[in-house]
Amino acid sequence: MTSLRDALRDLPDAVFADVLESDDAYLLVLDLPGASEATVDAAVDGSRLRVEARREKDVPTDFDYVEEERSLFLDVELPLPPGVTGAGASGSIDRGVLELELPKAEAAPETQIPIDD
């Protein structure tokens, strides 16, 4: 979990993120203004979460950029907490707020280990 927190601190200043935890899952909330379902891709690759997003900017035709600070693209890889595989993960985006629910792997049921003499 510490490596995920450290990675979130390294995100660009324009990206805000929260990590929440329940007994069953982690919830990653990323603010991605201007991004939509069609412009966001999230995938788990091994023990890493990859998020790619493209913002859509609507520039009025009578204006030209004097300064452009809002990046059009976000491409980050974040380490997953131990026990998260991406199986059963789900995501949604509403008004540029991406929520990714990453279930924790279920613990194996207790198994009796036979001891021979």
N, C-alpha and C. Protein backbone atom coordinates (compact mmCIF):
# COMPACT_ATOMS: atom_id res chain seq x y z
N MET A 1 0.82 -1.19 0.00
CA MET A 1 0.00 0.00 0.00
C MET A 1 0.86 1.26 0.00
N THR A 2 2.01 1.20 0.67
CA THR A 2 2.89 2.36 0.73
C THR A 2 3.38 2.75 -0.65
N SER A 3 3.70 1.76 -1.50
CA SER A 3 4.20 2.09 -2.84
C SER A 3 3.11 2.76 -3.67
N LEU A 4 1.84 2.37 -3.49
CA LEU A 4 0.75 3.04 -4.19
C LEU A 4 0.63 4.48 -3.73
N ARG A 5 0.68 4.72 -2.41
CA ARG A 5 0.60 6.09 -1.90
C ARG A 5 1.74 6.95 -2.46
N ASP A 6 2.94 6.38 -2.49
CA ASP A 6 4.09 7.12 -3.03
C ASP A 6 3.89 7.44 -4.50
N ALA A 7 3.37 6.48 -5.27
CA ALA A 7 3.14 6.71 -6.70
C ALA A 7 2.08 7.77 -6.93
N LEU A 8 1.06 7.81 -6.10
CA LEU A 8 0.02 8.82 -6.25
C LEU A 8 0.57 10.22 -5.98
N ARG A 9 1.55 10.33 -5.09
CA ARG A 9 2.17 11.62 -4.82
C ARG A 9 2.96 12.12 -6.03
N ASP A 10 3.39 11.20 -6.90
CA ASP A 10 4.18 11.57 -8.07
C ASP A 10 3.32 11.89 -9.29
N LEU A 11 2.00 11.81 -9.17
CA LEU A 11 1.13 12.16 -10.29
C LEU A 11 1.29 13.64 -10.62
N PRO A 12 0.99 14.00 -11.86
CA PRO A 12 1.06 15.43 -12.21
C PRO A 12 0.18 16.25 -11.27
N ASP A 13 0.56 17.51 -11.05
CA ASP A 13 -0.17 18.38 -10.13
C ASP A 13 -1.64 18.52 -10.50
N ALA A 14 -1.96 18.39 -11.78
CA ALA A 14 -3.34 18.58 -12.23
C ALA A 14 -4.22 17.36 -11.97
N VAL A 15 -3.64 16.27 -11.46
CA VAL A 15 -4.41 15.05 -11.21
C VAL A 15 -4.52 14.85 -9.70
N PHE A 16 -5.75 14.76 -9.24
CA PHE A 16 -6.01 14.53 -7.82
C PHE A 16 -6.54 13.12 -7.65
N ALA A 17 -6.09 12.44 -6.61
CA ALA A 17 -6.49 11.04 -6.41
C ALA A 17 -6.73 10.76 -4.94
N ASP A 18 -7.69 9.86 -4.69
CA ASP A 18 -7.95 9.34 -3.35
C ASP A 18 -7.92 7.82 -3.43
N VAL A 19 -7.48 7.17 -2.37
CA VAL A 19 -7.55 5.72 -2.24
C VAL A 19 -8.36 5.43 -1.00
N LEU A 20 -9.39 4.60 -1.16
CA LEU A 20 -10.22 4.19 -0.03
C LEU A 20 -10.13 2.68 0.08
N GLU A 21 -10.35 2.15 1.28
CA GLU A 21 -10.26 0.72 1.50
C GLU A 21 -11.44 0.24 2.33
N SER A 22 -12.01 -0.89 1.91
CA SER A 22 -13.03 -1.57 2.70
C SER A 22 -12.48 -2.96 3.01
N ASP A 23 -13.29 -3.78 3.64
CA ASP A 23 -12.85 -5.15 3.94
C ASP A 23 -12.62 -5.94 2.66
N ASP A 24 -13.37 -5.61 1.59
CA ASP A 24 -13.36 -6.42 0.37
C ASP A 24 -12.63 -5.82 -0.81
N ALA A 25 -12.38 -4.50 -0.79
CA ALA A 25 -11.85 -3.88 -2.00
C ALA A 25 -11.15 -2.56 -1.70
N TYR A 26 -10.41 -2.09 -2.70
CA TYR A 26 -9.87 -0.74 -2.71
C TYR A 26 -10.66 0.06 -3.74
N LEU A 27 -10.83 1.33 -3.48
CA LEU A 27 -11.50 2.23 -4.41
C LEU A 27 -10.53 3.35 -4.72
N LEU A 28 -10.15 3.46 -5.99
CA LEU A 28 -9.27 4.52 -6.45
C LEU A 28 -10.12 5.54 -7.17
N VAL A 29 -10.05 6.80 -6.72
CA VAL A 29 -10.84 7.88 -7.31
C VAL A 29 -9.86 8.89 -7.90
N LEU A 30 -9.96 9.10 -9.21
CA LEU A 30 -9.08 10.05 -9.91
C LEU A 30 -9.91 11.14 -10.55
N ASP A 31 -9.53 12.38 -10.32
CA ASP A 31 -10.18 13.51 -11.00
C ASP A 31 -9.51 13.69 -12.35
N LEU A 32 -10.28 13.51 -13.42
CA LEU A 32 -9.77 13.66 -14.78
C LEU A 32 -10.70 14.57 -15.57
N PRO A 33 -10.71 15.88 -15.25
CA PRO A 33 -11.63 16.78 -15.94
C PRO A 33 -11.44 16.72 -17.45
N GLY A 34 -12.54 16.65 -18.16
CA GLY A 34 -12.50 16.61 -19.62
C GLY A 34 -12.41 15.21 -20.18
N ALA A 35 -12.21 14.20 -19.33
CA ALA A 35 -12.14 12.82 -19.80
C ALA A 35 -13.54 12.21 -19.75
N SER A 36 -13.76 11.21 -20.60
CA SER A 36 -15.05 10.53 -20.65
C SER A 36 -14.82 9.03 -20.80
N GLU A 37 -15.89 8.28 -20.78
CA GLU A 37 -15.80 6.83 -20.94
C GLU A 37 -15.05 6.46 -22.22
N ALA A 38 -15.28 7.22 -23.27
CA ALA A 38 -14.65 6.92 -24.56
C ALA A 38 -13.16 7.27 -24.59
N THR A 39 -12.70 8.08 -23.65
CA THR A 39 -11.31 8.54 -23.70
C THR A 39 -10.46 8.02 -22.55
N VAL A 40 -10.97 7.04 -21.78
CA VAL A 40 -10.24 6.48 -20.65
C VAL A 40 -10.07 4.98 -20.85
N ASP A 41 -8.87 4.50 -20.57
CA ASP A 41 -8.58 3.07 -20.62
C ASP A 41 -7.85 2.72 -19.34
N ALA A 42 -8.32 1.70 -18.64
CA ALA A 42 -7.67 1.24 -17.41
C ALA A 42 -7.50 -0.27 -17.50
N ALA A 43 -6.34 -0.74 -17.09
CA ALA A 43 -6.07 -2.17 -17.16
C ALA A 43 -5.11 -2.56 -16.05
N VAL A 44 -5.23 -3.81 -15.60
CA VAL A 44 -4.29 -4.37 -14.64
C VAL A 44 -3.34 -5.27 -15.41
N ASP A 45 -2.05 -5.03 -15.22
CA ASP A 45 -1.02 -5.83 -15.87
C ASP A 45 -0.09 -6.32 -14.78
N GLY A 46 -0.27 -7.58 -14.40
CA GLY A 46 0.51 -8.13 -13.30
C GLY A 46 0.15 -7.44 -12.01
N SER A 47 1.11 -6.80 -11.40
CA SER A 47 0.87 -6.11 -10.12
C SER A 47 0.79 -4.60 -10.30
N ARG A 48 0.49 -4.16 -11.51
CA ARG A 48 0.43 -2.72 -11.81
C ARG A 48 -0.90 -2.37 -12.46
N LEU A 49 -1.38 -1.18 -12.13
CA LEU A 49 -2.59 -0.61 -12.72
C LEU A 49 -2.16 0.45 -13.72
N ARG A 50 -2.62 0.34 -14.95
CA ARG A 50 -2.29 1.32 -15.99
C ARG A 50 -3.55 2.11 -16.31
N VAL A 51 -3.44 3.43 -16.26
CA VAL A 51 -4.56 4.32 -16.61
C VAL A 51 -4.08 5.27 -17.70
N GLU A 52 -4.80 5.26 -18.81
CA GLU A 52 -4.54 6.20 -19.89
C GLU A 52 -5.82 6.99 -20.11
N ALA A 53 -5.68 8.30 -20.19
CA ALA A 53 -6.85 9.16 -20.39
C ALA A 53 -6.50 10.30 -21.33
N ARG A 54 -7.47 10.69 -22.09
CA ARG A 54 -7.31 11.83 -22.99
C ARG A 54 -8.40 12.84 -22.65
N ARG A 55 -7.99 14.06 -22.45
CA ARG A 55 -8.94 15.12 -22.15
C ARG A 55 -9.39 15.74 -23.47
N GLU A 56 -10.60 16.16 -23.49
CA GLU A 56 -11.11 16.86 -24.66
C GLU A 56 -11.21 18.34 -24.32
N LYS A 57 -10.57 19.15 -25.14
CA LYS A 57 -10.61 20.60 -24.94
C LYS A 57 -11.46 21.20 -26.04
N ASP A 58 -12.26 22.15 -25.66
CA ASP A 58 -13.11 22.85 -26.61
C ASP A 58 -12.64 24.31 -26.64
N VAL A 59 -11.83 24.65 -27.64
CA VAL A 59 -11.26 25.99 -27.74
C VAL A 59 -12.12 26.82 -28.69
N PRO A 60 -12.61 27.97 -28.22
CA PRO A 60 -13.40 28.84 -29.10
C PRO A 60 -12.58 29.27 -30.33
N THR A 61 -13.23 29.33 -31.47
CA THR A 61 -12.52 29.61 -32.73
C THR A 61 -11.86 30.98 -32.76
N ASP A 62 -12.34 31.93 -32.01
CA ASP A 62 -11.77 33.29 -32.02
C ASP A 62 -10.54 33.44 -31.11
N PHE A 63 -10.14 32.36 -30.44
CA PHE A 63 -9.06 32.45 -29.46
C PHE A 63 -7.89 31.55 -29.86
N ASP A 64 -6.68 31.98 -29.47
CA ASP A 64 -5.46 31.19 -29.61
C ASP A 64 -4.84 31.06 -28.23
N TYR A 65 -4.09 29.98 -28.02
CA TYR A 65 -3.43 29.78 -26.74
C TYR A 65 -2.31 30.80 -26.53
N VAL A 66 -2.29 31.40 -25.37
CA VAL A 66 -1.18 32.21 -24.93
C VAL A 66 -0.29 31.31 -24.07
N GLU A 67 -0.93 30.50 -23.23
CA GLU A 67 -0.25 29.53 -22.41
C GLU A 67 -1.16 28.31 -22.28
N GLU A 68 -0.56 27.14 -22.40
CA GLU A 68 -1.34 25.91 -22.31
C GLU A 68 -0.73 25.02 -21.24
N GLU A 69 -1.41 24.90 -20.12
CA GLU A 69 -0.91 24.13 -18.98
C GLU A 69 -1.67 22.83 -18.76
N ARG A 70 -2.86 22.73 -19.32
CA ARG A 70 -3.67 21.52 -19.09
C ARG A 70 -3.27 20.47 -20.11
N SER A 71 -2.65 19.41 -19.63
CA SER A 71 -2.19 18.35 -20.50
C SER A 71 -3.38 17.64 -21.15
N LEU A 72 -3.20 17.24 -22.40
CA LEU A 72 -4.25 16.50 -23.09
C LEU A 72 -4.26 15.03 -22.72
N PHE A 73 -3.11 14.51 -22.30
CA PHE A 73 -2.99 13.08 -22.06
C PHE A 73 -2.49 12.79 -20.65
N LEU A 74 -2.97 11.68 -20.10
CA LEU A 74 -2.48 11.16 -18.84
C LEU A 74 -2.15 9.70 -19.09
N ASP A 75 -0.97 9.29 -18.75
CA ASP A 75 -0.54 7.92 -18.91
C ASP A 75 0.27 7.56 -17.67
N VAL A 76 -0.34 6.80 -16.75
CA VAL A 76 0.34 6.46 -15.50
C VAL A 76 0.24 4.96 -15.24
N GLU A 77 1.24 4.46 -14.54
CA GLU A 77 1.23 3.10 -14.04
C GLU A 77 1.41 3.19 -12.53
N LEU A 78 0.53 2.52 -11.81
CA LEU A 78 0.55 2.55 -10.35
C LEU A 78 0.70 1.13 -9.81
N PRO A 79 1.49 0.94 -8.77
CA PRO A 79 1.60 -0.39 -8.17
C PRO A 79 0.31 -0.72 -7.42
N LEU A 80 -0.11 -1.95 -7.52
CA LEU A 80 -1.31 -2.39 -6.80
C LEU A 80 -0.94 -2.85 -5.40
N PRO A 81 -1.85 -2.66 -4.45
CA PRO A 81 -1.61 -3.19 -3.11
C PRO A 81 -1.50 -4.72 -3.17
N PRO A 82 -0.81 -5.33 -2.23
CA PRO A 82 -0.71 -6.79 -2.21
C PRO A 82 -2.10 -7.43 -2.18
N GLY A 83 -2.26 -8.51 -2.91
CA GLY A 83 -3.52 -9.24 -2.90
C GLY A 83 -4.55 -8.75 -3.90
N VAL A 84 -4.23 -7.74 -4.69
CA VAL A 84 -5.16 -7.24 -5.71
C VAL A 84 -4.67 -7.74 -7.06
N THR A 85 -5.54 -8.44 -7.78
CA THR A 85 -5.14 -9.01 -9.07
C THR A 85 -5.86 -8.36 -10.24
N GLY A 86 -6.89 -7.63 -9.99
CA GLY A 86 -7.69 -7.04 -11.05
C GLY A 86 -8.89 -7.89 -11.40
N ALA A 87 -8.94 -9.14 -10.94
CA ALA A 87 -10.09 -10.00 -11.21
C ALA A 87 -11.32 -9.40 -10.55
N GLY A 88 -12.37 -9.20 -11.31
CA GLY A 88 -13.60 -8.64 -10.79
C GLY A 88 -13.58 -7.13 -10.63
N ALA A 89 -12.55 -6.48 -11.13
CA ALA A 89 -12.46 -5.02 -11.01
C ALA A 89 -13.54 -4.36 -11.86
N SER A 90 -13.96 -3.17 -11.43
CA SER A 90 -14.95 -2.42 -12.20
C SER A 90 -14.60 -0.94 -12.14
N GLY A 91 -15.14 -0.21 -13.10
CA GLY A 91 -14.86 1.22 -13.13
C GLY A 91 -16.02 2.00 -13.69
N SER A 92 -16.07 3.28 -13.33
CA SER A 92 -17.08 4.17 -13.87
C SER A 92 -16.49 5.58 -13.90
N ILE A 93 -17.05 6.41 -14.78
CA ILE A 93 -16.62 7.80 -14.83
C ILE A 93 -17.86 8.67 -14.94
N ASP A 94 -17.89 9.72 -14.14
CA ASP A 94 -19.02 10.64 -14.14
C ASP A 94 -18.46 12.04 -13.95
N ARG A 95 -18.72 12.90 -14.92
CA ARG A 95 -18.25 14.30 -14.87
C ARG A 95 -16.75 14.41 -14.63
N GLY A 96 -15.98 13.52 -15.27
CA GLY A 96 -14.54 13.57 -15.15
C GLY A 96 -13.97 12.96 -13.88
N VAL A 97 -14.79 12.28 -13.10
CA VAL A 97 -14.30 11.60 -11.90
C VAL A 97 -14.33 10.10 -12.16
N LEU A 98 -13.14 9.50 -12.24
CA LEU A 98 -12.99 8.08 -12.51
C LEU A 98 -12.93 7.34 -11.19
N GLU A 99 -13.76 6.30 -11.04
CA GLU A 99 -13.74 5.44 -9.86
C GLU A 99 -13.43 4.02 -10.32
N LEU A 100 -12.37 3.46 -9.76
CA LEU A 100 -11.98 2.08 -10.05
C LEU A 100 -12.06 1.28 -8.76
N GLU A 101 -12.92 0.26 -8.76
CA GLU A 101 -13.04 -0.63 -7.60
C GLU A 101 -12.23 -1.88 -7.88
N LEU A 102 -11.26 -2.14 -7.02
CA LEU A 102 -10.34 -3.25 -7.18
C LEU A 102 -10.51 -4.21 -6.01
N PRO A 103 -11.22 -5.33 -6.25
CA PRO A 103 -11.47 -6.27 -5.15
C PRO A 103 -10.18 -6.89 -4.63
N LYS A 104 -10.18 -7.15 -3.34
CA LYS A 104 -9.07 -7.87 -2.72
C LYS A 104 -9.25 -9.36 -3.03
N ALA A 105 -8.15 -10.04 -3.20
CA ALA A 105 -8.21 -11.48 -3.42
C ALA A 105 -8.75 -12.13 -2.16
N GLU A 106 -9.64 -13.07 -2.35
CA GLU A 106 -10.21 -13.75 -1.19
C GLU A 106 -9.16 -14.68 -0.60
N ALA A 107 -9.11 -14.71 0.71
CA ALA A 107 -8.19 -15.62 1.39
C ALA A 107 -8.66 -17.05 1.18
N ALA A 108 -7.71 -17.94 1.00
CA ALA A 108 -8.06 -19.35 0.82
C ALA A 108 -8.66 -19.86 2.12
N PRO A 109 -9.67 -20.75 2.01
CA PRO A 109 -10.25 -21.29 3.24
C PRO A 109 -9.18 -22.08 4.00
N GLU A 110 -9.38 -22.15 5.29
CA GLU A 110 -8.42 -22.89 6.11
C GLU A 110 -8.36 -24.33 5.66
N THR A 111 -7.15 -24.81 5.51
CA THR A 111 -6.95 -26.19 5.09
C THR A 111 -6.11 -26.89 6.14
N GLN A 112 -6.61 -28.01 6.58
CA GLN A 112 -5.87 -28.81 7.57
C GLN A 112 -4.69 -29.47 6.88
N ILE A 113 -3.52 -29.37 7.48
CA ILE A 113 -2.32 -29.99 6.92
C ILE A 113 -2.05 -31.25 7.73
N PRO A 114 -2.11 -32.40 7.07
CA PRO A 114 -1.87 -33.63 7.81
C PRO A 114 -0.40 -33.75 8.25
N ILE A 115 -0.20 -34.22 9.43
CA ILE A 115 1.14 -34.42 9.98
C ILE A 115 1.33 -35.92 10.19
N ASP A 116 2.27 -36.47 9.48
CA ASP A 116 2.55 -37.91 9.63
C ASP A 116 3.68 -38.13 10.59
N ASP A 117 3.64 -39.29 11.32
CA ASP A 117 4.75 -39.59 12.23
C ASP A 117 5.61 -40.68 11.69
